[in-house]
Amino acid sequence: MAQDQDQLAPHVLLTRKSLAEALGARGLRISAATLATKATRGGGPPYTLFCGRALYRWSDALAWAEAQLAPPYASTSERETASR
C-alpha cells in the first residue's frame, strides 16, 4: 500500500485488499477473502458501496478489529480461569 497505515486518516475509505494490508501491518492479520465472507454472513466491519465495490472507513474498521481482540492475560492459567 502506498500510504503507511499509521498515517491513514480516520475518514479514508479502503478497498478490502487495502484494508487487509493495513490491518496486517498493525499485526491484525485478516484476508480480503475473509472480509468478503464476513460482509456476506455478518460479523465484519461496517462498509459502504461505491459502484458496487465495498469500501471500509479506516476508523470504523480499526475499531472493529480492535474489538475482536481478547483481553490481555499474564498466563495461560489466568486465561483458563477467565473463560469459565
N, C-alpha and C. Protein backbone atom coordinates (compact mmCIF):
# COMPACT_ATOMS: atom_id res chain seq x y z
N MET A 1 0.85 -1.17 0.00
CA MET A 1 0.00 0.00 0.00
C MET A 1 0.90 1.23 0.00
N ALA A 2 0.51 2.20 -0.77
CA ALA A 2 1.35 3.38 -0.95
C ALA A 2 1.47 4.20 0.33
N GLN A 3 0.39 4.26 1.11
CA GLN A 3 0.38 5.09 2.30
C GLN A 3 0.57 4.21 3.53
N ASP A 4 1.45 4.61 4.42
CA ASP A 4 1.69 3.87 5.66
C ASP A 4 0.40 3.86 6.49
N GLN A 5 0.06 2.68 7.05
CA GLN A 5 -1.20 2.54 7.78
C GLN A 5 -1.25 3.44 9.00
N ASP A 6 -0.11 3.79 9.60
CA ASP A 6 -0.12 4.68 10.77
C ASP A 6 -0.46 6.11 10.38
N GLN A 7 -0.38 6.43 9.10
CA GLN A 7 -0.68 7.78 8.64
C GLN A 7 -2.03 7.86 7.95
N LEU A 8 -2.81 6.80 8.00
CA LEU A 8 -4.12 6.83 7.37
C LEU A 8 -5.04 7.75 8.16
N ALA A 9 -5.72 8.63 7.46
CA ALA A 9 -6.70 9.49 8.11
C ALA A 9 -7.90 8.64 8.51
N PRO A 10 -8.54 8.95 9.61
CA PRO A 10 -9.67 8.14 10.08
C PRO A 10 -10.79 8.00 9.05
N HIS A 11 -10.98 9.00 8.21
CA HIS A 11 -12.10 9.00 7.27
C HIS A 11 -11.79 8.34 5.92
N VAL A 12 -10.52 7.95 5.71
CA VAL A 12 -10.15 7.39 4.41
C VAL A 12 -10.92 6.09 4.16
N LEU A 13 -11.31 5.88 2.90
CA LEU A 13 -12.02 4.67 2.51
C LEU A 13 -11.05 3.71 1.84
N LEU A 14 -11.12 2.44 2.24
CA LEU A 14 -10.20 1.43 1.74
C LEU A 14 -10.96 0.28 1.10
N THR A 15 -10.38 -0.28 0.05
CA THR A 15 -10.94 -1.50 -0.53
C THR A 15 -10.64 -2.65 0.43
N ARG A 16 -11.25 -3.81 0.17
CA ARG A 16 -10.98 -4.97 1.02
C ARG A 16 -9.49 -5.32 1.04
N LYS A 17 -8.88 -5.32 -0.13
CA LYS A 17 -7.46 -5.66 -0.20
C LYS A 17 -6.61 -4.66 0.58
N SER A 18 -6.87 -3.38 0.41
CA SER A 18 -6.12 -2.35 1.13
C SER A 18 -6.35 -2.43 2.63
N LEU A 19 -7.58 -2.71 3.02
CA LEU A 19 -7.89 -2.83 4.44
C LEU A 19 -7.16 -4.03 5.04
N ALA A 20 -7.18 -5.16 4.35
CA ALA A 20 -6.47 -6.34 4.84
C ALA A 20 -4.99 -6.04 5.02
N GLU A 21 -4.39 -5.32 4.08
CA GLU A 21 -2.98 -4.95 4.17
C GLU A 21 -2.72 -4.00 5.34
N ALA A 22 -3.58 -3.00 5.51
CA ALA A 22 -3.40 -2.02 6.58
C ALA A 22 -3.56 -2.67 7.95
N LEU A 23 -4.55 -3.53 8.10
CA LEU A 23 -4.72 -4.22 9.38
C LEU A 23 -3.56 -5.18 9.63
N GLY A 24 -3.12 -5.88 8.60
CA GLY A 24 -1.99 -6.79 8.73
C GLY A 24 -0.72 -6.07 9.16
N ALA A 25 -0.53 -4.86 8.66
CA ALA A 25 0.65 -4.07 9.04
C ALA A 25 0.61 -3.69 10.51
N ARG A 26 -0.56 -3.71 11.11
CA ARG A 26 -0.71 -3.43 12.55
C ARG A 26 -0.72 -4.71 13.37
N GLY A 27 -0.48 -5.84 12.72
CA GLY A 27 -0.45 -7.12 13.42
C GLY A 27 -1.81 -7.78 13.54
N LEU A 28 -2.80 -7.23 12.88
CA LEU A 28 -4.16 -7.77 12.91
C LEU A 28 -4.45 -8.42 11.56
N ARG A 29 -3.91 -9.62 11.37
CA ARG A 29 -3.97 -10.27 10.06
C ARG A 29 -5.37 -10.79 9.76
N ILE A 30 -5.87 -10.40 8.59
CA ILE A 30 -7.14 -10.88 8.05
C ILE A 30 -7.03 -10.78 6.54
N SER A 31 -7.60 -11.71 5.84
CA SER A 31 -7.51 -11.68 4.38
C SER A 31 -8.69 -10.92 3.78
N ALA A 32 -8.51 -10.47 2.56
CA ALA A 32 -9.60 -9.81 1.83
C ALA A 32 -10.75 -10.79 1.64
N ALA A 33 -10.43 -12.08 1.43
CA ALA A 33 -11.48 -13.09 1.26
C ALA A 33 -12.31 -13.25 2.54
N THR A 34 -11.66 -13.19 3.70
CA THR A 34 -12.39 -13.28 4.96
C THR A 34 -13.28 -12.07 5.15
N LEU A 35 -12.80 -10.90 4.78
CA LEU A 35 -13.63 -9.69 4.86
C LEU A 35 -14.86 -9.83 3.96
N ALA A 36 -14.68 -10.41 2.78
CA ALA A 36 -15.80 -10.62 1.85
C ALA A 36 -16.81 -11.59 2.46
N THR A 37 -16.31 -12.67 3.06
CA THR A 37 -17.20 -13.64 3.70
C THR A 37 -17.97 -12.99 4.83
N LYS A 38 -17.30 -12.19 5.65
CA LYS A 38 -17.97 -11.52 6.76
C LYS A 38 -19.00 -10.51 6.26
N ALA A 39 -18.74 -9.89 5.12
CA ALA A 39 -19.72 -8.96 4.55
C ALA A 39 -20.98 -9.71 4.14
N THR A 40 -20.82 -10.95 3.71
CA THR A 40 -21.96 -11.76 3.29
C THR A 40 -22.71 -12.36 4.48
N ARG A 41 -21.96 -12.89 5.43
CA ARG A 41 -22.56 -13.62 6.56
C ARG A 41 -22.79 -12.76 7.81
N GLY A 42 -22.14 -11.61 7.87
CA GLY A 42 -22.25 -10.76 9.05
C GLY A 42 -21.07 -10.94 9.97
N GLY A 43 -20.90 -10.00 10.87
CA GLY A 43 -19.83 -10.08 11.85
C GLY A 43 -18.57 -9.33 11.48
N GLY A 44 -18.55 -8.71 10.33
CA GLY A 44 -17.36 -7.98 9.90
C GLY A 44 -17.49 -6.49 10.16
N PRO A 45 -16.50 -5.74 9.73
CA PRO A 45 -16.56 -4.29 9.90
C PRO A 45 -17.61 -3.67 9.00
N PRO A 46 -18.16 -2.52 9.40
CA PRO A 46 -19.13 -1.85 8.54
C PRO A 46 -18.48 -1.36 7.26
N TYR A 47 -19.25 -1.39 6.19
CA TYR A 47 -18.73 -0.93 4.89
C TYR A 47 -19.83 -0.21 4.14
N THR A 48 -19.43 0.47 3.11
CA THR A 48 -20.36 1.15 2.22
C THR A 48 -20.05 0.68 0.81
N LEU A 49 -20.94 0.95 -0.11
CA LEU A 49 -20.72 0.56 -1.50
C LEU A 49 -20.54 1.79 -2.38
N PHE A 50 -19.62 1.68 -3.30
CA PHE A 50 -19.43 2.69 -4.33
C PHE A 50 -19.31 1.95 -5.64
N CYS A 51 -20.27 2.15 -6.51
CA CYS A 51 -20.30 1.45 -7.80
C CYS A 51 -20.20 -0.06 -7.61
N GLY A 52 -20.86 -0.56 -6.59
CA GLY A 52 -20.89 -1.99 -6.33
C GLY A 52 -19.66 -2.54 -5.62
N ARG A 53 -18.73 -1.70 -5.27
CA ARG A 53 -17.49 -2.13 -4.62
C ARG A 53 -17.52 -1.74 -3.14
N ALA A 54 -17.19 -2.69 -2.27
CA ALA A 54 -17.18 -2.43 -0.83
C ALA A 54 -16.01 -1.54 -0.46
N LEU A 55 -16.31 -0.52 0.33
CA LEU A 55 -15.29 0.38 0.86
C LEU A 55 -15.46 0.48 2.37
N TYR A 56 -14.35 0.45 3.07
CA TYR A 56 -14.34 0.46 4.53
C TYR A 56 -13.68 1.73 5.04
N ARG A 57 -14.37 2.43 5.95
CA ARG A 57 -13.77 3.62 6.58
C ARG A 57 -12.73 3.12 7.57
N TRP A 58 -11.51 3.63 7.48
CA TRP A 58 -10.39 3.16 8.28
C TRP A 58 -10.72 3.17 9.79
N SER A 59 -11.28 4.26 10.30
CA SER A 59 -11.54 4.34 11.74
C SER A 59 -12.54 3.28 12.18
N ASP A 60 -13.58 3.03 11.38
CA ASP A 60 -14.58 2.02 11.72
C ASP A 60 -13.99 0.62 11.69
N ALA A 61 -13.20 0.34 10.67
CA ALA A 61 -12.61 -0.99 10.51
C ALA A 61 -11.58 -1.26 11.60
N LEU A 62 -10.78 -0.26 11.95
CA LEU A 62 -9.79 -0.44 13.01
C LEU A 62 -10.48 -0.66 14.35
N ALA A 63 -11.54 0.09 14.62
CA ALA A 63 -12.29 -0.10 15.87
C ALA A 63 -12.88 -1.51 15.92
N TRP A 64 -13.42 -1.97 14.79
CA TRP A 64 -13.98 -3.33 14.73
C TRP A 64 -12.89 -4.36 15.02
N ALA A 65 -11.73 -4.23 14.37
CA ALA A 65 -10.65 -5.19 14.53
C ALA A 65 -10.15 -5.21 15.98
N GLU A 66 -9.98 -4.05 16.57
CA GLU A 66 -9.51 -3.99 17.95
C GLU A 66 -10.53 -4.58 18.92
N ALA A 67 -11.81 -4.47 18.59
CA ALA A 67 -12.86 -5.06 19.43
C ALA A 67 -12.84 -6.59 19.38
N GLN A 68 -12.20 -7.15 18.36
CA GLN A 68 -12.10 -8.60 18.24
C GLN A 68 -11.00 -9.19 19.11
N LEU A 69 -10.13 -8.34 19.62
CA LEU A 69 -9.01 -8.80 20.44
C LEU A 69 -9.51 -9.28 21.80
N ALA A 70 -8.93 -10.36 22.28
CA ALA A 70 -9.21 -10.84 23.63
C ALA A 70 -8.48 -9.93 24.61
N PRO A 71 -8.92 -9.90 25.86
CA PRO A 71 -8.19 -9.09 26.84
C PRO A 71 -6.80 -9.68 27.07
N PRO A 72 -5.87 -8.87 27.53
CA PRO A 72 -4.52 -9.38 27.78
C PRO A 72 -4.50 -10.31 29.00
N TYR A 73 -3.69 -11.34 28.92
CA TYR A 73 -3.53 -12.30 30.01
C TYR A 73 -2.06 -12.35 30.42
N ALA A 74 -1.82 -12.60 31.70
CA ALA A 74 -0.45 -12.74 32.20
C ALA A 74 0.04 -14.17 32.07
N SER A 75 -0.89 -15.14 32.02
CA SER A 75 -0.51 -16.54 31.90
C SER A 75 -1.66 -17.34 31.32
N THR A 76 -1.37 -18.55 30.87
CA THR A 76 -2.44 -19.41 30.34
C THR A 76 -3.41 -19.81 31.43
N SER A 77 -2.95 -19.96 32.67
CA SER A 77 -3.88 -20.32 33.75
C SER A 77 -4.86 -19.18 34.02
N GLU A 78 -4.40 -17.96 33.89
CA GLU A 78 -5.29 -16.81 34.06
C GLU A 78 -6.36 -16.82 32.97
N ARG A 79 -5.97 -17.18 31.77
CA ARG A 79 -6.89 -17.23 30.65
C ARG A 79 -7.95 -18.31 30.89
N GLU A 80 -7.55 -19.47 31.34
CA GLU A 80 -8.48 -20.56 31.60
C GLU A 80 -9.48 -20.19 32.68
N THR A 81 -9.05 -19.47 33.71
CA THR A 81 -9.93 -19.03 34.79
C THR A 81 -10.95 -18.01 34.26
N ALA A 82 -10.51 -17.11 33.40
CA ALA A 82 -11.38 -16.05 32.87
C ALA A 82 -12.45 -16.61 31.94
N SER A 83 -12.18 -17.72 31.27
CA SER A 83 -13.13 -18.26 30.31
C SER A 83 -14.24 -19.08 30.97
N ARG A 84 -14.15 -19.33 32.25
CA ARG A 84 -15.19 -20.13 32.94
C ARG A 84 -16.36 -19.33 33.35
